Structures are given as C-alpha cells and as structure tokens.
N, C-alpha and C. Protein backbone atom coordinates (compact mmCIF):
# COMPACT_ATOMS: atom_id res chain seq x y z
N MET A 1 87.09 85.10 99.98
CA MET A 1 88.05 85.51 100.99
C MET A 1 89.46 85.44 100.41
N PRO A 2 90.28 86.41 100.78
CA PRO A 2 91.67 86.40 100.30
C PRO A 2 92.47 85.28 100.96
N ASN A 3 93.35 84.70 100.18
CA ASN A 3 94.14 83.57 100.67
C ASN A 3 95.55 83.93 101.09
N THR A 4 96.11 84.96 100.49
CA THR A 4 97.50 85.32 100.80
C THR A 4 97.54 86.55 101.69
N ALA A 5 98.69 86.74 102.31
CA ALA A 5 98.87 87.88 103.22
C ALA A 5 98.74 89.20 102.46
N SER A 6 99.29 89.25 101.27
CA SER A 6 99.22 90.50 100.49
C SER A 6 97.78 90.81 100.07
N ALA A 7 97.01 89.77 99.78
CA ALA A 7 95.60 89.97 99.42
C ALA A 7 94.79 90.47 100.62
N ILE A 8 95.12 89.97 101.79
CA ILE A 8 94.44 90.42 103.02
C ILE A 8 94.73 91.90 103.26
N ARG A 9 96.01 92.30 103.10
CA ARG A 9 96.37 93.70 103.26
C ARG A 9 95.66 94.57 102.22
N ARG A 10 95.59 94.06 101.02
CA ARG A 10 94.93 94.82 99.95
C ARG A 10 93.45 95.03 100.25
N VAL A 11 92.79 94.05 100.81
CA VAL A 11 91.37 94.18 101.17
C VAL A 11 91.20 95.27 102.23
N ARG A 12 92.09 95.28 103.23
CA ARG A 12 92.03 96.33 104.26
C ARG A 12 92.20 97.71 103.63
N ARG A 13 93.14 97.82 102.71
CA ARG A 13 93.42 99.10 102.05
C ARG A 13 92.22 99.57 101.22
N VAL A 14 91.59 98.64 100.51
CA VAL A 14 90.44 98.97 99.68
C VAL A 14 89.27 99.45 100.54
N ILE A 15 89.07 98.83 101.68
CA ILE A 15 87.98 99.23 102.58
C ILE A 15 88.20 100.67 103.06
N LYS A 16 89.44 100.98 103.45
CA LYS A 16 89.74 102.35 103.90
C LYS A 16 89.56 103.35 102.78
N GLN A 17 90.05 103.02 101.59
CA GLN A 17 89.96 103.94 100.46
C GLN A 17 88.51 104.15 100.02
N THR A 18 87.70 103.10 100.11
CA THR A 18 86.29 103.22 99.77
C THR A 18 85.60 104.20 100.71
N ALA A 19 85.92 104.14 101.98
CA ALA A 19 85.33 105.07 102.94
C ALA A 19 85.72 106.51 102.63
N VAL A 20 86.98 106.73 102.26
CA VAL A 20 87.45 108.08 101.92
C VAL A 20 86.74 108.58 100.67
N ASN A 21 86.63 107.71 99.65
CA ASN A 21 85.96 108.10 98.42
C ASN A 21 84.49 108.43 98.65
N ARG A 22 83.83 107.67 99.51
CA ARG A 22 82.43 107.95 99.83
C ARG A 22 82.29 109.33 100.47
N LEU A 23 83.21 109.66 101.37
CA LEU A 23 83.18 110.96 102.02
C LEU A 23 83.36 112.08 101.00
N ARG A 24 84.35 111.92 100.12
CA ARG A 24 84.60 112.94 99.10
C ARG A 24 83.42 113.09 98.15
N LYS A 25 82.83 111.98 97.76
CA LYS A 25 81.69 112.02 96.84
C LYS A 25 80.48 112.67 97.52
N SER A 26 80.33 112.40 98.80
CA SER A 26 79.23 113.00 99.56
C SER A 26 79.40 114.52 99.64
N LYS A 27 80.63 114.97 99.92
CA LYS A 27 80.91 116.41 99.97
C LYS A 27 80.64 117.06 98.62
N TYR A 28 81.04 116.39 97.56
CA TYR A 28 80.86 116.90 96.21
C TYR A 28 79.37 117.06 95.89
N ARG A 29 78.59 116.04 96.19
CA ARG A 29 77.15 116.10 95.92
C ARG A 29 76.47 117.18 96.77
N ALA A 30 76.88 117.29 98.01
CA ALA A 30 76.31 118.30 98.90
C ALA A 30 76.63 119.70 98.40
N ALA A 31 77.83 119.90 97.89
CA ALA A 31 78.23 121.21 97.36
C ALA A 31 77.40 121.58 96.15
N VAL A 32 77.15 120.61 95.27
CA VAL A 32 76.33 120.87 94.08
C VAL A 32 74.91 121.24 94.49
N LYS A 33 74.36 120.50 95.43
CA LYS A 33 72.99 120.79 95.89
C LYS A 33 72.91 122.16 96.56
N LYS A 34 73.92 122.49 97.35
CA LYS A 34 73.95 123.77 98.04
C LYS A 34 73.95 124.93 97.04
N MET A 35 74.79 124.81 96.00
CA MET A 35 74.86 125.86 94.98
C MET A 35 73.54 125.97 94.22
N ASP A 36 72.93 124.84 93.90
CA ASP A 36 71.64 124.87 93.22
C ASP A 36 70.58 125.56 94.07
N ASP A 37 70.58 125.26 95.36
CA ASP A 37 69.61 125.89 96.27
C ASP A 37 69.83 127.40 96.36
N LEU A 38 71.09 127.82 96.45
CA LEU A 38 71.39 129.25 96.52
C LEU A 38 70.96 129.96 95.24
N ILE A 39 71.15 129.30 94.11
CA ILE A 39 70.74 129.90 92.83
C ILE A 39 69.23 130.02 92.76
N LYS A 40 68.52 128.98 93.21
CA LYS A 40 67.06 129.02 93.20
C LYS A 40 66.52 130.12 94.11
N LYS A 41 67.17 130.32 95.27
CA LYS A 41 66.74 131.36 96.20
C LYS A 41 67.13 132.74 95.71
N GLY A 42 68.17 132.82 94.90
CA GLY A 42 68.61 134.10 94.35
C GLY A 42 69.47 134.92 95.30
N GLU A 43 70.20 134.25 96.18
CA GLU A 43 71.06 134.94 97.14
C GLU A 43 72.42 135.22 96.49
N LYS A 44 72.54 136.39 95.89
CA LYS A 44 73.73 136.70 95.08
C LYS A 44 75.00 136.79 95.91
N GLU A 45 74.93 137.38 97.10
CA GLU A 45 76.13 137.50 97.93
C GLU A 45 76.66 136.13 98.36
N ASN A 46 75.74 135.26 98.79
CA ASN A 46 76.15 133.92 99.23
C ASN A 46 76.67 133.08 98.07
N ILE A 47 76.11 133.30 96.89
CA ILE A 47 76.57 132.56 95.72
C ILE A 47 78.03 132.90 95.44
N LYS A 48 78.34 134.19 95.45
CA LYS A 48 79.70 134.63 95.16
C LYS A 48 80.69 134.12 96.21
N LYS A 49 80.27 134.10 97.48
CA LYS A 49 81.13 133.62 98.55
C LYS A 49 81.39 132.11 98.45
N ASN A 50 80.36 131.37 98.09
CA ASN A 50 80.45 129.91 98.11
C ASN A 50 80.97 129.30 96.81
N PHE A 51 81.02 130.08 95.74
CA PHE A 51 81.43 129.52 94.46
C PHE A 51 82.88 129.04 94.46
N SER A 52 83.77 129.78 95.10
CA SER A 52 85.17 129.36 95.13
C SER A 52 85.36 128.09 95.96
N SER A 53 84.63 127.98 97.06
CA SER A 53 84.73 126.75 97.85
C SER A 53 84.11 125.57 97.10
N PHE A 54 83.06 125.85 96.33
CA PHE A 54 82.43 124.83 95.50
C PHE A 54 83.43 124.29 94.48
N GLN A 55 84.14 125.19 93.81
CA GLN A 55 85.15 124.78 92.84
C GLN A 55 86.27 123.98 93.52
N SER A 56 86.66 124.42 94.69
CA SER A 56 87.73 123.75 95.43
C SER A 56 87.35 122.31 95.77
N ILE A 57 86.13 122.12 96.24
CA ILE A 57 85.66 120.78 96.60
C ILE A 57 85.67 119.87 95.38
N LEU A 58 85.19 120.38 94.25
CA LEU A 58 85.16 119.57 93.03
C LEU A 58 86.56 119.24 92.54
N MET A 59 87.46 120.20 92.61
CA MET A 59 88.83 119.95 92.14
C MET A 59 89.57 118.97 93.05
N LYS A 60 89.30 119.02 94.35
CA LYS A 60 89.91 118.06 95.27
C LYS A 60 89.42 116.65 94.98
N ALA A 61 88.12 116.52 94.70
CA ALA A 61 87.57 115.21 94.35
C ALA A 61 88.16 114.71 93.03
N THR A 62 88.41 115.62 92.12
CA THR A 62 89.01 115.27 90.84
C THR A 62 90.46 114.84 91.02
N LYS A 63 91.18 115.61 91.81
CA LYS A 63 92.60 115.34 92.04
C LYS A 63 92.82 113.95 92.66
N SER A 64 91.91 113.56 93.53
CA SER A 64 92.05 112.27 94.19
C SER A 64 91.54 111.12 93.33
N GLY A 65 90.87 111.44 92.22
CA GLY A 65 90.36 110.40 91.33
C GLY A 65 88.98 109.91 91.70
N THR A 66 88.32 110.59 92.61
CA THR A 66 86.98 110.18 93.01
C THR A 66 85.98 110.44 91.88
N ILE A 67 86.11 111.59 91.24
CA ILE A 67 85.27 111.89 90.08
C ILE A 67 86.17 112.25 88.90
N ASN A 68 85.61 112.16 87.73
CA ASN A 68 86.36 112.45 86.52
C ASN A 68 86.56 113.96 86.35
N LYS A 69 87.66 114.34 85.73
CA LYS A 69 87.98 115.75 85.53
C LYS A 69 86.92 116.44 84.67
N LYS A 70 86.46 115.76 83.66
CA LYS A 70 85.45 116.34 82.76
C LYS A 70 84.11 116.50 83.46
N THR A 71 83.80 115.61 84.38
CA THR A 71 82.56 115.72 85.16
C THR A 71 82.61 116.97 86.02
N ALA A 72 83.72 117.18 86.69
CA ALA A 72 83.88 118.36 87.54
C ALA A 72 83.81 119.63 86.70
N SER A 73 84.48 119.62 85.57
CA SER A 73 84.48 120.78 84.68
C SER A 73 83.07 121.09 84.20
N ARG A 74 82.32 120.05 83.85
CA ARG A 74 80.94 120.22 83.39
C ARG A 74 80.05 120.81 84.49
N LYS A 75 80.21 120.32 85.71
CA LYS A 75 79.41 120.82 86.83
C LYS A 75 79.73 122.29 87.12
N ILE A 76 81.01 122.64 87.11
CA ILE A 76 81.43 124.02 87.36
C ILE A 76 80.88 124.93 86.27
N SER A 77 80.98 124.48 85.04
CA SER A 77 80.50 125.27 83.91
C SER A 77 78.99 125.48 83.99
N LYS A 78 78.28 124.44 84.33
CA LYS A 78 76.82 124.51 84.44
C LYS A 78 76.40 125.50 85.54
N ILE A 79 77.06 125.42 86.70
CA ILE A 79 76.72 126.31 87.80
C ILE A 79 77.10 127.75 87.46
N SER A 80 78.27 127.97 86.86
CA SER A 80 78.68 129.34 86.53
C SER A 80 77.76 129.95 85.47
N LYS A 81 77.25 129.12 84.57
CA LYS A 81 76.30 129.59 83.56
C LYS A 81 74.99 130.03 84.23
N LYS A 82 74.54 129.25 85.21
CA LYS A 82 73.33 129.60 85.95
C LYS A 82 73.52 130.91 86.73
N ILE A 83 74.71 131.08 87.30
CA ILE A 83 75.02 132.28 88.09
C ILE A 83 74.98 133.52 87.21
N SER A 84 75.60 133.42 86.05
CA SER A 84 75.70 134.59 85.18
C SER A 84 74.36 134.99 84.56
N SER A 85 73.43 134.06 84.45
CA SER A 85 72.13 134.40 83.86
C SER A 85 71.11 134.84 84.87
C-alpha cells in the first residue's frame, strides 16, 4: 500500500491508465482479427474499406504507447502483403 499522498494519487492514475491501455489493446487485437477474417473470406470490397480504419487503430495505439511502433508497422505490412497476394 502507498504511504504518501503522492503515491496514492499515482496509484489512482495508474489504474485509470491501465484501463485505457486495455481498451486500446483490445481494439487493436479485434482489428487484426477482423482483417484476417475478411482476408480468409476473400471479401475484396470490405477489405479495401476497412484497411484504412485498421491502420488508424494501430497508429493510435502506437501514438499512445500502448504498442510498439515496429509492432504496428509489422502488422500493417503483414496484412497488406496478404491483401496484395
């Protein structure tokens, strides 16, 4: 347990930030799964429509520090490679 007032405030802040990060990470994982499912089904129109939002979600997670920049770049590259083939 925190002993000082500043430590107590810091614990509250960490709890809130953890909740936000979980939400962002959940959105990121859901977006990756959604794109994989669309690719497996072969829905070309939906893939093109959803790819920009997929990139946006990953970049937002990267910007906030939830995921690493290189991880997001790797995921985008992997999905775009699947789309083009």
